[in-house]
Amino acid sequence: VLINNARGAFLATDYLVSEGHRDIGYLQSARAISNFEERADGFFRALRQNEIKKNMSYVFRVTPVQGVAYREFSRVLDTHPALPTGFFADNDIIALDCIRALKEHGYRIPDDVSVVGFDDIPSCQLLEPPMTTTCVPKSFLGAQAMHQLLRLFADPILPPVKVEISTELVKRSTVRRLS
């Protein structure tokens, strides 16, 4: 039982485009795992389909660990790089830490930089402003996994089934409309 990571990242990035963003960055996980690789595919596919040239100087790799992503992105911001108008982040931990670093470096969210995360962890609603993110329906995901296990226990010779769960974009307040 899996989530559709590529589609979720595509929708998040496409939302930034629909809000007028053409300079879109990627807060990418420095750890290579399949979920993040699928999200990268969705991010870059959204850029291609919207005819936006990818700008690798807007791709910042940070460790997806709370506090570590903050420190790493703070060091990046200390060098005063050119920033895009909006970012897609591989997960909410990265997004939250990078928002914290941006704010401490004088950037206003979403006035100066927009950010969209992925996962919809509870902290997203507590952030000021509340964070736009891709919701992963974890309870439903768990229920489907349990359903598949019970199905296999009842009849062990059943063929394997792959179930892919869709995500949903939760629009809050960290994305600014540009046009």
Protein backbone atom coordinates (compact mmCIF):
# COMPACT_ATOMS: atom_id res chain seq x y z
CA VAL A 1 0.00 0.00 0.00
CA LEU A 2 1.67 3.16 -1.24
CA ILE A 3 0.93 6.83 -1.73
CA ASN A 4 1.17 8.52 -5.11
CA ASN A 5 4.21 10.66 -4.30
CA ALA A 6 4.82 11.81 -7.86
CA ARG A 7 1.24 13.00 -8.32
CA GLY A 8 1.25 14.81 -4.95
CA ALA A 9 4.48 16.66 -5.79
CA PHE A 10 3.14 17.46 -9.26
CA LEU A 11 -0.06 18.96 -7.81
CA ALA A 12 1.86 21.03 -5.25
CA THR A 13 4.23 22.42 -7.88
CA ASP A 14 1.42 22.97 -10.37
CA TYR A 15 -0.42 24.95 -7.68
CA LEU A 16 2.58 27.30 -7.35
CA VAL A 17 2.48 27.78 -11.13
CA SER A 18 -1.28 28.44 -11.06
CA GLU A 19 -0.62 31.19 -8.50
CA GLY A 20 1.74 32.93 -10.91
CA HIS A 21 5.12 31.54 -9.82
CA ARG A 22 7.61 30.94 -12.64
CA ASP A 23 10.78 30.84 -10.52
CA ILE A 24 10.18 27.73 -8.43
CA GLY A 25 12.75 26.11 -6.20
CA TYR A 26 13.04 22.69 -4.68
CA LEU A 27 13.89 21.99 -1.05
CA GLN A 28 15.09 18.48 -1.76
CA SER A 29 15.97 15.78 0.72
CA ALA A 30 19.67 15.02 0.94
CA ARG A 31 18.68 11.43 1.72
CA ALA A 32 17.81 9.32 -1.29
CA ILE A 33 14.76 7.20 -0.56
CA SER A 34 12.12 6.08 -3.03
CA ASN A 35 9.39 8.43 -1.72
CA PHE A 36 11.63 11.46 -2.24
CA GLU A 37 12.82 10.24 -5.64
CA GLU A 38 9.18 9.91 -6.73
CA ARG A 39 8.45 13.42 -5.43
CA ALA A 40 11.42 14.76 -7.41
CA ASP A 41 9.95 13.15 -10.54
CA GLY A 42 6.61 14.85 -9.89
CA PHE A 43 8.24 18.22 -9.21
CA PHE A 44 10.33 18.22 -12.38
CA ARG A 45 7.45 16.86 -14.48
CA ALA A 46 5.26 19.78 -13.34
CA LEU A 47 7.96 22.22 -14.40
CA ARG A 48 8.27 20.56 -17.83
CA GLN A 49 4.51 20.43 -18.40
CA ASN A 50 4.23 24.12 -17.53
CA GLU A 51 7.18 24.94 -19.80
CA ILE A 52 9.30 26.22 -16.93
CA LYS A 53 13.00 25.66 -17.33
CA LYS A 54 14.49 23.96 -14.28
CA ASN A 55 17.03 26.10 -12.52
CA MET A 56 19.38 23.88 -10.54
CA SER A 57 20.63 26.91 -8.57
CA TYR A 58 17.14 26.87 -6.99
CA VAL A 59 17.53 23.26 -5.81
CA PHE A 60 18.75 23.11 -2.22
CA ARG A 61 19.51 19.71 -0.70
CA VAL A 62 18.96 19.49 3.05
CA THR A 63 18.75 16.65 5.53
CA PRO A 64 15.11 15.77 6.35
CA VAL A 65 15.65 15.90 10.11
CA GLN A 66 14.15 18.61 12.30
CA GLY A 67 16.79 21.11 13.32
CA VAL A 68 19.35 19.78 10.85
CA ALA A 69 17.46 21.10 7.80
CA TYR A 70 17.18 24.46 9.58
CA ARG A 71 20.94 24.67 10.24
CA GLU A 72 21.85 23.57 6.72
CA PHE A 73 19.47 25.99 5.01
CA SER A 74 20.51 28.82 7.35
CA ARG A 75 24.10 28.33 6.17
CA VAL A 76 22.88 28.52 2.56
CA LEU A 77 20.95 31.73 3.29
CA ASP A 78 24.06 33.23 4.94
CA THR A 79 25.63 33.26 1.44
CA HIS A 80 22.75 35.43 0.12
CA PRO A 81 21.82 33.23 -2.83
CA ALA A 82 19.26 34.30 -5.42
CA LEU A 83 15.98 32.76 -4.31
CA PRO A 84 12.92 31.75 -6.29
CA THR A 85 9.48 33.19 -5.51
CA GLY A 86 8.24 29.79 -4.36
CA PHE A 87 9.49 26.43 -3.11
CA PHE A 88 8.21 22.88 -3.09
CA ALA A 89 9.67 20.84 -0.19
CA ASP A 90 10.03 17.05 -0.12
CA ASN A 91 8.34 16.93 3.28
CA ASP A 92 6.90 19.14 5.97
CA ILE A 93 9.90 18.82 8.28
CA ILE A 94 12.12 20.29 5.58
CA ALA A 95 9.53 22.96 4.76
CA LEU A 96 9.02 23.99 8.39
CA ASP A 97 12.75 24.18 9.12
CA CYS A 98 13.44 26.15 5.94
CA ILE A 99 10.58 28.55 6.67
CA ARG A 100 12.11 29.14 10.10
CA ALA A 101 15.50 29.87 8.50
CA LEU A 102 13.92 32.16 5.91
CA LYS A 103 12.08 34.14 8.59
CA GLU A 104 15.23 34.50 10.68
CA HIS A 105 17.01 35.86 7.60
CA GLY A 106 14.34 38.53 7.15
CA TYR A 107 12.13 36.90 4.52
CA ARG A 108 8.36 37.14 4.92
CA ILE A 109 6.25 34.07 4.18
CA PRO A 110 4.44 34.22 1.74
CA ASP A 111 5.10 37.87 0.78
CA ASP A 112 8.74 37.27 -0.20
CA VAL A 113 8.82 33.50 -0.62
CA SER A 114 6.00 30.95 -0.90
CA VAL A 115 6.43 27.39 0.40
CA VAL A 116 4.47 24.16 -0.09
CA GLY A 117 5.24 21.06 1.96
CA PHE A 118 4.29 17.39 1.79
CA ASP A 119 2.64 15.16 4.45
CA ASP A 120 0.32 17.53 6.37
CA ILE A 121 1.80 16.88 9.79
CA PRO A 122 -0.06 18.62 12.67
CA SER A 123 2.58 21.39 12.95
CA CYS A 124 1.50 22.74 9.55
CA GLN A 125 -1.69 24.14 11.07
CA LEU A 126 0.19 25.68 14.01
CA LEU A 127 2.72 27.57 11.89
CA GLU A 128 2.18 31.28 11.37
CA PRO A 129 0.98 31.50 8.69
CA PRO A 130 -0.50 27.97 8.44
CA MET A 131 1.35 25.96 5.78
CA THR A 132 0.04 24.81 2.44
CA THR A 133 0.92 21.15 2.05
CA THR A 134 0.09 17.86 0.40
CA CYS A 135 -2.06 15.72 2.68
CA VAL A 136 -1.24 12.04 3.01
CA PRO A 137 -4.33 10.27 4.38
CA LYS A 138 -2.39 8.21 6.94
CA SER A 139 -5.41 6.64 8.66
CA PHE A 140 -6.84 5.49 5.36
CA LEU A 141 -3.41 4.24 4.29
CA GLY A 142 -3.12 2.19 7.49
CA ALA A 143 -6.64 0.81 7.10
CA GLN A 144 -5.88 -0.29 3.55
CA ALA A 145 -2.67 -1.99 4.68
CA MET A 146 -4.59 -3.82 7.41
CA HIS A 147 -7.25 -4.83 4.88
CA GLN A 148 -4.56 -6.30 2.61
CA LEU A 149 -2.97 -8.22 5.51
CA LEU A 150 -6.31 -9.67 6.60
CA ARG A 151 -7.03 -10.63 3.01
CA LEU A 152 -3.72 -12.51 2.79
CA PHE A 153 -4.25 -14.22 6.17
CA ALA A 154 -7.67 -15.41 5.01
CA ASP A 155 -6.29 -16.80 1.74
CA PRO A 156 -2.46 -16.99 1.58
CA ILE A 157 -2.41 -18.03 -2.09
CA LEU A 158 -4.04 -14.83 -3.32
CA PRO A 159 -1.83 -12.88 -5.73
CA PRO A 160 -0.11 -9.76 -4.42
CA VAL A 161 -2.02 -6.50 -4.89
CA LYS A 162 -0.52 -3.05 -5.12
CA VAL A 163 -2.78 -0.29 -3.79
CA GLU A 164 -1.87 3.33 -4.51
CA ILE A 165 -3.50 6.04 -2.40
CA SER A 166 -3.97 9.55 -3.78
CA THR A 167 -2.94 12.69 -1.95
CA GLU A 168 -4.76 16.01 -1.69
CA LEU A 169 -3.42 19.55 -1.70
CA VAL A 170 -4.40 21.49 1.44
CA LYS A 171 -4.33 25.18 0.59
CA ARG A 172 -3.51 27.32 3.60
CA SER A 173 -1.54 30.55 3.77
CA THR A 174 2.10 30.03 2.75
CA VAL A 175 1.54 30.61 -0.98
CA ARG A 176 1.15 34.09 -2.38
CA ARG A 177 -0.70 34.74 -5.62
CA LEU A 178 1.61 36.71 -7.92
CA SER A 179 -0.71 37.46 -10.81
